[in-house]
C-alpha cells in the first residue's frame, strides 16, 4: 500500500471545488428554444440510444459542424419568431 502512495499520480486539483470550477470553465452552457416536436425527437433518440439528451445534442452539433460549411452555405429551415427590439 505504501508503494502505491509513493508512485501515485499527483493530484491535478487541490480540492473538489477547484475541480468543479475547472469543469465549469471547460464547458459552455447554452440555452435554446426548440419546436416541441424537435425536443420530443431528441428525447426519443436519447431513450433509444440509452444516453442523455445532452449527449445526443452534442453529437448532432458536432456532426453538423463537421459536415457542412455553415459560413458559406448559411442557415436553412424555418426560423423561430423573434420579438422586435
Protein backbone atom coordinates (compact mmCIF):
# COMPACT_ATOMS: atom_id res chain seq x y z
CA UNK A 1 0.00 0.00 0.00
CA UNK A 2 2.87 2.38 0.78
CA UNK A 3 4.44 1.82 -2.65
CA UNK A 4 1.14 2.71 -4.24
CA UNK A 5 1.02 6.04 -2.44
CA UNK A 6 4.61 6.91 -3.34
CA UNK A 7 4.05 6.16 -7.04
CA UNK A 8 0.61 7.72 -7.21
CA UNK A 9 -0.04 10.34 -9.81
CA UNK A 10 -0.04 13.84 -8.31
CA UNK A 11 -3.43 15.45 -7.83
CA UNK A 12 -4.44 17.75 -10.64
CA UNK A 13 -6.72 19.85 -8.43
CA UNK A 14 -6.22 20.70 -4.77
CA UNK A 15 -9.91 20.37 -3.91
CA UNK A 16 -13.25 19.24 -5.25
CA UNK A 17 -14.30 22.89 -5.56
CA UNK A 18 -11.27 23.63 -7.74
CA UNK A 19 -12.05 20.59 -9.91
CA UNK A 20 -15.67 21.71 -10.29
CA UNK A 21 -14.59 25.26 -11.21
CA UNK A 22 -12.27 23.85 -13.90
CA UNK A 23 -15.13 21.74 -15.28
CA UNK A 24 -17.40 24.78 -15.48
CA UNK A 25 -14.67 26.78 -17.23
CA UNK A 26 -14.12 23.99 -19.75
CA UNK A 27 -17.71 23.74 -20.98
CA UNK A 28 -20.21 26.36 -22.13
CA UNK A 29 -23.87 26.21 -21.18
CA UNK A 30 -26.23 27.42 -23.89
CA UNK A 31 -29.99 27.82 -23.54
CA UNK A 32 -32.02 27.23 -26.70
CA UNK A 33 -35.67 27.10 -27.65
CA UNK A 34 -36.84 24.24 -29.84
CA UNK A 35 -40.03 23.34 -31.59
CA UNK A 36 -41.81 20.81 -29.34
CA UNK A 37 -41.55 18.07 -31.98
CA UNK A 38 -37.78 18.53 -32.20
CA UNK A 39 -37.41 18.26 -28.41
CA UNK A 40 -39.55 15.11 -28.47
CA UNK A 41 -37.32 13.62 -31.17
CA UNK A 42 -34.21 14.38 -29.11
CA UNK A 43 -35.79 12.70 -26.09
CA UNK A 44 -36.77 9.67 -28.17
CA UNK A 45 -33.25 9.39 -29.62
CA UNK A 46 -31.73 9.64 -26.15
CA UNK A 47 -34.05 6.94 -24.86
CA UNK A 48 -33.42 4.61 -27.81
CA UNK A 49 -29.65 5.12 -27.59
CA UNK A 50 -29.70 4.79 -23.78
CA UNK A 51 -27.88 8.09 -23.28
CA UNK A 52 -28.65 11.62 -22.16
CA UNK A 53 -30.28 14.26 -24.32
CA UNK A 54 -27.14 16.34 -23.78
CA UNK A 55 -25.01 13.63 -25.44
CA UNK A 56 -27.43 13.43 -28.36
CA UNK A 57 -27.37 17.20 -28.88
CA UNK A 58 -23.56 17.33 -28.67
CA UNK A 59 -23.28 14.50 -31.20
CA UNK A 60 -25.73 16.16 -33.60
CA UNK A 61 -24.00 19.53 -33.36
CA UNK A 62 -20.55 18.01 -33.88
CA UNK A 63 -21.81 16.08 -36.92
CA UNK A 64 -23.44 19.19 -38.39
CA UNK A 65 -20.33 21.33 -37.87
CA UNK A 66 -18.10 18.71 -39.50
CA UNK A 67 -20.34 18.03 -42.49
CA UNK A 68 -21.47 21.44 -43.71
CA UNK A 69 -19.74 24.73 -44.34
CA UNK A 70 -22.17 26.94 -42.46
CA UNK A 71 -20.19 30.11 -43.23
CA UNK A 72 -20.62 29.60 -46.98
CA UNK A 73 -23.99 27.87 -47.17
CA UNK A 74 -25.73 29.75 -44.37
CA UNK A 75 -28.72 28.56 -42.38
CA UNK A 76 -31.67 26.55 -43.59
CA UNK A 77 -35.09 25.73 -42.25
CA UNK A 78 -37.82 27.86 -40.79
CA UNK A 79 -36.75 30.41 -38.18
CA UNK A 80 -38.38 30.77 -34.79
CA UNK A 81 -40.29 34.01 -34.31
CA UNK A 82 -38.34 36.88 -32.74
CA UNK A 83 -39.57 39.77 -30.68
CA UNK A 84 -38.92 43.15 -32.25
CA UNK A 85 -36.21 45.15 -30.49
